[in-house]
Structure formats: C-alpha cells, structure tokens
Amino acid sequence: MEAGNRQVLLLFEKGGSREMSSPHDGDGELHLAFAIRGEALPSWEAWVAENGVAVEEKRTWPLGGHSIYFRDPDRHLIEIATPGIWSIY
C-alpha cells in the first residue's frame, strides 16, 4: 500500500500467510520501522537510553543510512531509520 510519495505501509493479517513460518504472517514478534531525519538520530538514541530501552543493534548501511533496533513491550522489533538505508530512502 502506498502511503505517500516515498513511504510504504505493509499490513499483514494474522494467519493470512500461506507459509505459517513466514515473518509476514502477522503473528508473533514482528518488525516495524519508522523513518526519521538523519539529524534526529542522536535525540532518538538519547531517548531510548534515558528510558532504559536496550538497543539490540546499531547499523550503518552501505549507502550511509543508520538504523537502531530495539524491542517494544510485546517484543516486536522496532527500527528507527535515517535516509540512506535503501536506494529509494
């Protein structure tokens, strides 16, 4: 589903995948990413640290983007991502 000129929103129905082991089945621990401006990353990192949230990974992508990953209370993987993680973002 297109959600603007540079964004994509994917929604998966629980149990809707033919492959029940697929991470796109809408069940269990899921991955959700939020796009932020590059200059906002330090503020997000500080917020995560101040709130005692454990960062699972920090990644610098080949195109220069950065992502930080952590879990929400339901164990979903949350990604905060700056431009430069893909050729289209």
PDB file of N, CA and C in Angstrom:
ATOM      1  N   MET A   1       0.851  -1.168   0.000  1.00  0.00           N
ATOM      2  CA  MET A   1       0.000   0.000   0.000  1.00  0.00           C
ATOM      3  C   MET A   1       0.898   1.232   0.000  1.00  0.00           C
ATOM      4  N   GLU A   2       0.707   2.110  -0.932  1.00  0.00           N
ATOM      5  CA  GLU A   2       1.476   3.349  -0.955  1.00  0.00           C
ATOM      6  C   GLU A   2       0.916   4.295   0.092  1.00  0.00           C
ATOM      7  N   ALA A   3       1.809   4.926   0.832  1.00  0.00           N
ATOM      8  CA  ALA A   3       1.396   5.863   1.873  1.00  0.00           C
ATOM      9  C   ALA A   3       2.173   7.160   1.718  1.00  0.00           C
ATOM     10  N   GLY A   4       2.112   7.750   0.543  1.00  0.00           N
ATOM     11  CA  GLY A   4       2.873   8.964   0.260  1.00  0.00           C
ATOM     12  C   GLY A   4       3.829   8.715  -0.888  1.00  0.00           C
ATOM     13  N   ASN A   5       4.618   9.716  -1.217  1.00  0.00           N
ATOM     14  CA  ASN A   5       5.486   9.573  -2.377  1.00  0.00           C
ATOM     15  C   ASN A   5       6.789   8.834  -2.102  1.00  0.00           C
ATOM     16  N   ARG A   6       7.152   8.595  -0.843  1.00  0.00           N
ATOM     17  CA  ARG A   6       8.379   7.868  -0.531  1.00  0.00           C
ATOM     18  C   ARG A   6       8.182   6.852   0.579  1.00  0.00           C
ATOM     19  N   GLN A   7       6.968   6.504   0.894  1.00  0.00           N
ATOM     20  CA  GLN A   7       6.719   5.627   2.025  1.00  0.00           C
ATOM     21  C   GLN A   7       5.843   4.467   1.613  1.00  0.00           C
ATOM     22  N   VAL A   8       6.025   3.357   2.287  1.00  0.00           N
ATOM     23  CA  VAL A   8       5.211   2.170   2.056  1.00  0.00           C
ATOM     24  C   VAL A   8       4.719   1.670   3.399  1.00  0.00           C
ATOM     25  N   LEU A   9       3.458   1.355   3.475  1.00  0.00           N
ATOM     26  CA  LEU A   9       2.877   0.779   4.671  1.00  0.00           C
ATOM     27  C   LEU A   9       2.422  -0.628   4.324  1.00  0.00           C
ATOM     28  N   LEU A  10       2.977  -1.607   5.008  1.00  0.00           N
ATOM     29  CA  LEU A  10       2.597  -3.003   4.784  1.00  0.00           C
ATOM     30  C   LEU A  10       1.850  -3.504   6.007  1.00  0.00           C
ATOM     31  N   LEU A  11       0.681  -4.062   5.791  1.00  0.00           N
ATOM     32  CA  LEU A  11      -0.128  -4.630   6.865  1.00  0.00           C
ATOM     33  C   LEU A  11      -0.361  -6.099   6.551  1.00  0.00           C
ATOM     34  N   PHE A  12      -0.215  -6.954   7.546  1.00  0.00           N
ATOM     35  CA  PHE A  12      -0.382  -8.381   7.349  1.00  0.00           C
ATOM     36  C   PHE A  12      -1.441  -8.913   8.298  1.00  0.00           C
ATOM     37  N   GLU A  13      -2.378  -9.650   7.751  1.00  0.00           N
ATOM     38  CA  GLU A  13      -3.429 -10.251   8.551  1.00  0.00           C
ATOM     39  C   GLU A  13      -2.867 -11.447   9.304  1.00  0.00           C
ATOM     40  N   LYS A  14      -3.156 -11.519  10.600  1.00  0.00           N
ATOM     41  CA  LYS A  14      -2.706 -12.652  11.402  1.00  0.00           C
ATOM     42  C   LYS A  14      -3.260 -13.937  10.802  1.00  0.00           C
ATOM     43  N   GLY A  15      -2.358 -14.870  10.479  1.00  0.00           N
ATOM     44  CA  GLY A  15      -2.763 -16.133   9.889  1.00  0.00           C
ATOM     45  C   GLY A  15      -3.020 -16.052   8.400  1.00  0.00           C
ATOM     46  N   GLY A  16      -2.746 -14.910   7.771  1.00  0.00           N
ATOM     47  CA  GLY A  16      -3.061 -14.722   6.364  1.00  0.00           C
ATOM     48  C   GLY A  16      -2.025 -15.247   5.396  1.00  0.00           C
ATOM     49  N   SER A  17      -0.850 -15.613   5.887  1.00  0.00           N
ATOM     50  CA  SER A  17       0.203 -16.115   5.009  1.00  0.00           C
ATOM     51  C   SER A  17       0.044 -17.611   4.804  1.00  0.00           C
ATOM     52  N   ARG A  18       0.303 -18.053   3.590  1.00  0.00           N
ATOM     53  CA  ARG A  18       0.243 -19.492   3.314  1.00  0.00           C
ATOM     54  C   ARG A  18       1.379 -20.224   4.012  1.00  0.00           C
ATOM     55  N   GLU A  19       2.492 -19.517   4.214  1.00  0.00           N
ATOM     56  CA  GLU A  19       3.624 -20.109   4.913  1.00  0.00           C
ATOM     57  C   GLU A  19       3.576 -19.641   6.358  1.00  0.00           C
ATOM     58  N   MET A  20       3.129 -20.488   7.242  1.00  0.00           N
ATOM     59  CA  MET A  20       2.942 -20.092   8.627  1.00  0.00           C
ATOM     60  C   MET A  20       4.256 -19.711   9.308  1.00  0.00           C
ATOM     61  N   SER A  21       5.400 -20.148   8.766  1.00  0.00           N
ATOM     62  CA  SER A  21       6.674 -19.775   9.367  1.00  0.00           C
ATOM     63  C   SER A  21       7.168 -18.429   8.836  1.00  0.00           C
ATOM     64  N   SER A  22       6.423 -17.831   7.915  1.00  0.00           N
ATOM     65  CA  SER A  22       6.823 -16.560   7.323  1.00  0.00           C
ATOM     66  C   SER A  22       6.767 -15.443   8.349  1.00  0.00           C
ATOM     67  N   PRO A  23       7.775 -14.519   8.347  1.00  0.00           N
ATOM     68  CA  PRO A  23       7.696 -13.372   9.256  1.00  0.00           C
ATOM     69  C   PRO A  23       6.589 -12.401   8.862  1.00  0.00           C
ATOM     70  N   HIS A  24       5.942 -12.644   7.715  1.00  0.00           N
ATOM     71  CA  HIS A  24       4.860 -11.784   7.249  1.00  0.00           C
ATOM     72  C   HIS A  24       3.489 -12.359   7.583  1.00  0.00           C
ATOM     73  N   ASP A  25       3.450 -13.290   8.494  1.00  0.00           N
ATOM     74  CA  ASP A  25       2.188 -13.927   8.847  1.00  0.00           C
ATOM     75  C   ASP A  25       1.339 -13.068   9.781  1.00  0.00           C
ATOM     76  N   GLY A  26       1.904 -12.023  10.344  1.00  0.00           N
ATOM     77  CA  GLY A  26       1.138 -11.173  11.253  1.00  0.00           C
ATOM     78  C   GLY A  26       0.973 -11.776  12.628  1.00  0.00           C
ATOM     79  N   ASP A  27       1.819 -12.732  12.986  1.00  0.00           N
ATOM     80  CA  ASP A  27       1.723 -13.392  14.276  1.00  0.00           C
ATOM     81  C   ASP A  27       3.109 -13.398  14.922  1.00  0.00           C
ATOM     82  N   GLY A  28       3.131 -13.300  16.227  1.00  0.00           N
ATOM     83  CA  GLY A  28       4.405 -13.352  16.922  1.00  0.00           C
ATOM     84  C   GLY A  28       5.130 -12.011  16.874  1.00  0.00           C
ATOM     85  N   GLU A  29       6.441 -12.081  17.033  1.00  0.00           N
ATOM     86  CA  GLU A  29       7.262 -10.882  17.054  1.00  0.00           C
ATOM     87  C   GLU A  29       7.444 -10.351  15.636  1.00  0.00           C
ATOM     88  N   LEU A  30       7.048  -9.111  15.418  1.00  0.00           N
ATOM     89  CA  LEU A  30       7.083  -8.507  14.089  1.00  0.00           C
ATOM     90  C   LEU A  30       8.098  -7.367  14.049  1.00  0.00           C
ATOM     91  N   HIS A  31       8.389  -6.873  12.860  1.00  0.00           N
ATOM     92  CA  HIS A  31       9.335  -5.781  12.645  1.00  0.00           C
ATOM     93  C   HIS A  31       8.576  -4.568  12.129  1.00  0.00           C
ATOM     94  N   LEU A  32       8.836  -3.422  12.734  1.00  0.00           N
ATOM     95  CA  LEU A  32       8.199  -2.171  12.349  1.00  0.00           C
ATOM     96  C   LEU A  32       9.283  -1.107  12.285  1.00  0.00           C
ATOM     97  N   ALA A  33       9.340  -0.349  11.197  1.00  0.00           N
ATOM     98  CA  ALA A  33      10.367   0.674  11.035  1.00  0.00           C
ATOM     99  C   ALA A  33       9.739   2.055  10.918  1.00  0.00           C
ATOM    100  N   PHE A  34      10.404   3.036  11.521  1.00  0.00           N
ATOM    101  CA  PHE A  34       9.987   4.427  11.440  1.00  0.00           C
ATOM    102  C   PHE A  34      11.099   5.237  10.793  1.00  0.00           C
ATOM    103  N   ALA A  35      10.754   6.011   9.774  1.00  0.00           N
ATOM    104  CA  ALA A  35      11.712   6.872   9.091  1.00  0.00           C
ATOM    105  C   ALA A  35      11.856   8.178   9.868  1.00  0.00           C
ATOM    106  N   ILE A  36      13.113   8.587  10.063  1.00  0.00           N
ATOM    107  CA  ILE A  36      13.392   9.859  10.733  1.00  0.00           C
ATOM    108  C   ILE A  36      14.426  10.625   9.912  1.00  0.00           C
ATOM    109  N   ARG A  37      14.548  11.916  10.166  1.00  0.00           N
ATOM    110  CA  ARG A  37      15.609  12.714   9.550  1.00  0.00           C
ATOM    111  C   ARG A  37      16.945  12.312  10.181  1.00  0.00           C
ATOM    112  N   GLY A  38      17.992  12.373   9.416  1.00  0.00           N
ATOM    113  CA  GLY A  38      19.309  11.990   9.914  1.00  0.00           C
ATOM    114  C   GLY A  38      19.722  12.747  11.156  1.00  0.00           C
ATOM    115  N   GLU A  39      19.433  14.045  11.198  1.00  0.00           N
ATOM    116  CA  GLU A  39      19.839  14.846  12.355  1.00  0.00           C
ATOM    117  C   GLU A  39      19.047  14.524  13.620  1.00  0.00           C
ATOM    118  N   ALA A  40      17.960  13.774  13.492  1.00  0.00           N
ATOM    119  CA  ALA A  40      17.153  13.401  14.659  1.00  0.00           C
ATOM    120  C   ALA A  40      17.673  12.141  15.356  1.00  0.00           C
ATOM    121  N   LEU A  41      18.581  11.412  14.728  1.00  0.00           N
ATOM    122  CA  LEU A  41      19.049  10.150  15.303  1.00  0.00           C
ATOM    123  C   LEU A  41      19.654  10.313  16.696  1.00  0.00           C
ATOM    124  N   PRO A  42      20.546  11.282  16.957  1.00  0.00           N
ATOM    125  CA  PRO A  42      21.085  11.411  18.311  1.00  0.00           C
ATOM    126  C   PRO A  42      20.004  11.625  19.376  1.00  0.00           C
ATOM    127  N   SER A  43      18.972  12.388  19.048  1.00  0.00           N
ATOM    128  CA  SER A  43      17.875  12.603  20.010  1.00  0.00           C
ATOM    129  C   SER A  43      17.134  11.308  20.293  1.00  0.00           C
ATOM    130  N   TRP A  44      16.907  10.498  19.257  1.00  0.00           N
ATOM    131  CA  TRP A  44      16.245   9.214  19.454  1.00  0.00           C
ATOM    132  C   TRP A  44      17.118   8.267  20.281  1.00  0.00           C
ATOM    133  N   GLU A  45      18.409   8.240  19.996  1.00  0.00           N
ATOM    134  CA  GLU A  45      19.310   7.392  20.779  1.00  0.00           C
ATOM    135  C   GLU A  45      19.309   7.808  22.246  1.00  0.00           C
ATOM    136  N   ALA A  46      19.297   9.103  22.506  1.00  0.00           N
ATOM    137  CA  ALA A  46      19.239   9.597  23.882  1.00  0.00           C
ATOM    138  C   ALA A  46      17.927   9.210  24.545  1.00  0.00           C
ATOM    139  N   TRP A  47      16.806   9.342  23.831  1.00  0.00           N
ATOM    140  CA  TRP A  47      15.501   8.982  24.393  1.00  0.00           C
ATOM    141  C   TRP A  47      15.455   7.504  24.764  1.00  0.00           C
ATOM    142  N   VAL A  48      15.951   6.663  23.867  1.00  0.00           N
ATOM    143  CA  VAL A  48      15.962   5.221  24.120  1.00  0.00           C
ATOM    144  C   VAL A  48      16.790   4.925  25.374  1.00  0.00           C
ATOM    145  N   ALA A  49      17.979   5.529  25.484  1.00  0.00           N
ATOM    146  CA  ALA A  49      18.847   5.308  26.639  1.00  0.00           C
ATOM    147  C   ALA A  49      18.208   5.826  27.931  1.00  0.00           C
ATOM    148  N   GLU A  50      17.640   7.032  27.876  1.00  0.00           N
ATOM    149  CA  GLU A  50      17.011   7.629  29.064  1.00  0.00           C
ATOM    150  C   GLU A  50      15.844   6.804  29.575  1.00  0.00           C
ATOM    151  N   ASN A  51      15.190   6.076  28.687  1.00  0.00           N
ATOM    152  CA  ASN A  51      14.034   5.267  29.064  1.00  0.00           C
ATOM    153  C   ASN A  51      14.391   3.816  29.339  1.00  0.00           C
ATOM    154  N   GLY A  52      15.677   3.523  29.413  1.00  0.00           N
ATOM    155  CA  GLY A  52      16.129   2.185  29.781  1.00  0.00           C
ATOM    156  C   GLY A  52      15.806   1.111  28.761  1.00  0.00           C
ATOM    157  N   VAL A  53      15.666   1.498  27.508  1.00  0.00           N
ATOM    158  CA  VAL A  53      15.358   0.539  26.446  1.00  0.00           C
ATOM    159  C   VAL A  53      16.672  -0.014  25.907  1.00  0.00           C
ATOM    160  N   ALA A  54      16.783  -1.330  25.876  1.00  0.00           N
ATOM    161  CA  ALA A  54      18.001  -1.974  25.386  1.00  0.00           C
ATOM    162  C   ALA A  54      18.049  -1.935  23.864  1.00  0.00           C
ATOM    163  N   VAL A  55      19.120  -1.389  23.319  1.00  0.00           N
ATOM    164  CA  VAL A  55      19.327  -1.372  21.874  1.00  0.00           C
ATOM    165  C   VAL A  55      19.922  -2.716  21.478  1.00  0.00           C
ATOM    166  N   GLU A  56      19.264  -3.411  20.550  1.00  0.00           N
ATOM    167  CA  GLU A  56      19.755  -4.710  20.090  1.00  0.00           C
ATOM    168  C   GLU A  56      20.840  -4.573  19.043  1.00  0.00           C
ATOM    169  N   GLU A  57      20.734  -3.528  18.213  1.00  0.00           N
ATOM    170  CA  GLU A  57      21.719  -3.350  17.148  1.00  0.00           C
ATOM    171  C   GLU A  57      21.706  -1.911  16.674  1.00  0.00           C
ATOM    172  N   LYS A  58      22.896  -1.435  16.313  1.00  0.00           N
ATOM    173  CA  LYS A  58      23.062  -0.179  15.589  1.00  0.00           C
ATOM    174  C   LYS A  58      23.750  -0.556  14.297  1.00  0.00           C
ATOM    175  N   ARG A  59      23.238  -0.059  13.188  1.00  0.00           N
ATOM    176  CA  ARG A  59      23.802  -0.443  11.896  1.00  0.00           C
ATOM    177  C   ARG A  59      24.000   0.793  11.026  1.00  0.00           C
ATOM    178  N   THR A  60      25.149   0.839  10.360  1.00  0.00           N
ATOM    179  CA  THR A  60      25.405   1.825   9.326  1.00  0.00           C
ATOM    180  C   THR A  60      25.323   1.088   8.003  1.00  0.00           C
ATOM    181  N   TRP A  61      24.460   1.557   7.115  1.00  0.00           N
ATOM    182  CA  TRP A  61      24.210   0.905   5.842  1.00  0.00           C
ATOM    183  C   TRP A  61      25.195   1.380   4.775  1.00  0.00           C
ATOM    184  N   PRO A  62      25.442   0.569   3.744  1.00  0.00           N
ATOM    185  CA  PRO A  62      26.399   0.934   2.693  1.00  0.00           C
ATOM    186  C   PRO A  62      26.126   2.286   2.016  1.00  0.00           C
ATOM    187  N   LEU A  63      24.869   2.700   1.951  1.00  0.00           N
ATOM    188  CA  LEU A  63      24.533   3.979   1.319  1.00  0.00           C
ATOM    189  C   LEU A  63      24.600   5.147   2.297  1.00  0.00           C
ATOM    190  N   GLY A  64      25.023   4.885   3.550  1.00  0.00           N
ATOM    191  CA  GLY A  64      25.217   5.950   4.522  1.00  0.00           C
ATOM    192  C   GLY A  64      24.118   6.125   5.548  1.00  0.00           C
ATOM    193  N   GLY A  65      23.033   5.394   5.430  1.00  0.00           N
ATOM    194  CA  GLY A  65      21.948   5.491   6.409  1.00  0.00           C
ATOM    195  C   GLY A  65      22.302   4.777   7.701  1.00  0.00           C
ATOM    196  N   HIS A  66      21.530   5.067   8.736  1.00  0.00           N
ATOM    197  CA  HIS A  66      21.740   4.451  10.045  1.00  0.00           C
ATOM    198  C   HIS A  66      20.419   3.919  10.572  1.00  0.00           C
ATOM    199  N   SER A  67      20.478   2.792  11.263  1.00  0.00           N
ATOM    200  CA  SER A  67      19.311   2.209  11.932  1.00  0.00           C
ATOM    201  C   SER A  67      19.682   1.831  13.345  1.00  0.00           C
ATOM    202  N   ILE A  68      18.729   2.001  14.252  1.00  0.00           N
ATOM    203  CA  ILE A  68      18.856   1.423  15.592  1.00  0.00           C
ATOM    204  C   ILE A  68      17.638   0.525  15.791  1.00  0.00           C
ATOM    205  N   TYR A  69      17.858  -0.579  16.481  1.00  0.00           N
ATOM    206  CA  TYR A  69      16.822  -1.590  16.689  1.00  0.00           C
ATOM    207  C   TYR A  69      16.646  -1.853  18.172  1.00  0.00           C
ATOM    208  N   PHE A  70      15.387  -1.942  18.596  1.00  0.00           N
ATOM    209  CA  PHE A  70      15.061  -2.287  19.973  1.00  0.00           C
ATOM    210  C   PHE A  70      13.690  -2.945  19.990  1.00  0.00           C
ATOM    211  N   ARG A  71      13.295  -3.488  21.114  1.00  0.00           N
ATOM    212  CA  ARG A  71      12.015  -4.201  21.242  1.00  0.00           C
ATOM    213  C   ARG A  71      11.002  -3.369  22.016  1.00  0.00           C
ATOM    214  N   ASP A  72       9.738  -3.484  21.603  1.00  0.00           N
ATOM    215  CA  ASP A  72       8.664  -2.872  22.380  1.00  0.00           C
ATOM    216  C   ASP A  72       8.239  -3.862  23.470  1.00  0.00           C
ATOM    217  N   PRO A  73       7.310  -3.482  24.348  1.00  0.00           N
ATOM    218  CA  PRO A  73       6.918  -4.398  25.432  1.00  0.00           C
ATOM    219  C   PRO A  73       6.341  -5.736  24.960  1.00  0.00           C
ATOM    220  N   ASP A  74       5.827  -5.798  23.727  1.00  0.00           N
ATOM    221  CA  ASP A  74       5.304  -7.051  23.186  1.00  0.00           C
ATOM    222  C   ASP A  74       6.359  -7.813  22.393  1.00  0.00           C
ATOM    223  N   ARG A  75       7.615  -7.354  22.462  1.00  0.00           N
ATOM    224  CA  ARG A  75       8.768  -7.995  21.815  1.00  0.00           C
ATOM    225  C   ARG A  75       8.825  -7.785  20.306  1.00  0.00           C
ATOM    226  N   HIS A  76       8.037  -6.846  19.760  1.00  0.00           N
ATOM    227  CA  HIS A  76       8.157  -6.509  18.348  1.00  0.00           C
ATOM    228  C   HIS A  76       9.458  -5.739  18.153  1.00  0.00           C
ATOM    229  N   LEU A  77      10.132  -5.985  17.027  1.00  0.00           N
ATOM    230  CA  LEU A  77      11.381  -5.300  16.730  1.00  0.00           C
ATOM    231  C   LEU A  77      11.063  -3.942  16.106  1.00  0.00           C
ATOM    232  N   ILE A  78      11.500  -2.879  16.760  1.00  0.00           N
ATOM    233  CA  ILE A  78      11.273  -1.522  16.293  1.00  0.00           C
ATOM    234  C   ILE A  78      12.587  -0.995  15.705  1.00  0.00           C
ATOM    235  N   GLU A  79      12.492  -0.415  14.527  1.00  0.00           N
ATOM    236  CA  GLU A  79      13.657   0.165  13.864  1.00  0.00           C
ATOM    237  C   GLU A  79      13.415   1.653  13.667  1.00  0.00           C
ATOM    238  N   ILE A  80      14.400   2.445  14.020  1.00  0.00           N
ATOM    239  CA  ILE A  80      14.418   3.871  13.716  1.00  0.00           C
ATOM    240  C   ILE A  80      15.460   4.025  12.616  1.00  0.00           C
ATOM    241  N   ALA A  81      15.068   4.549  11.441  1.00  0.00           N
ATOM    242  CA  ALA A  81      15.944   4.546  10.275  1.00  0.00           C
ATOM    243  C   ALA A  81      16.060   5.929   9.643  1.00  0.00           C
ATOM    244  N   THR A  82      17.303   6.288   9.295  1.00  0.00           N
ATOM    245  CA  THR A  82      17.554   7.556   8.612  1.00  0.00           C
ATOM    246  C   THR A  82      17.644   7.326   7.106  1.00  0.00           C
ATOM    247  N   PRO A  83      17.545   8.382   6.317  1.00  0.00           N
ATOM    248  CA  PRO A  83      17.729   8.220   4.872  1.00  0.00           C
ATOM    249  C   PRO A  83      19.092   7.591   4.563  1.00  0.00           C
ATOM    250  N   GLY A  84      19.118   6.779   3.512  1.00  0.00           N
ATOM    251  CA  GLY A  84      20.344   6.130   3.090  1.00  0.00           C
ATOM    252  C   GLY A  84      20.399   4.658   3.423  1.00  0.00           C
ATOM    253  N   ILE A  85      19.256   4.087   3.850  1.00  0.00           N
ATOM    254  CA  ILE A  85      19.263   2.644   4.112  1.00  0.00           C
ATOM    255  C   ILE A  85      18.940   1.846   2.851  1.00  0.00           C
ATOM    256  N   TRP A  86      18.214   2.457   1.919  1.00  0.00           N
ATOM    257  CA  TRP A  86      17.908   1.853   0.613  1.00  0.00           C
ATOM    258  C   TRP A  86      18.155   2.893  -0.458  1.00  0.00           C
ATOM    259  N   SER A  87      18.187   2.471  -1.696  1.00  0.00           N
ATOM    260  CA  SER A  87      18.383   3.425  -2.785  1.00  0.00           C
ATOM    261  C   SER A  87      17.191   4.379  -2.931  1.00  0.00           C
ATOM    262  N   ILE A  88      16.010   3.970  -2.463  1.00  0.00           N
ATOM    263  CA  ILE A  88      14.830   4.833  -2.560  1.00  0.00           C
ATOM    264  C   ILE A  88      14.564   5.611  -1.279  1.00  0.00           C
ATOM    265  N   TYR A  89      15.372   5.371  -0.244  1.00  0.00           N
ATOM    266  CA  TYR A  89      15.235   6.115   1.024  1.00  0.00           C
ATOM    267  C   TYR A  89      16.592   6.313   1.641  1.00  0.00           C
TER     268      TYR A  89
END
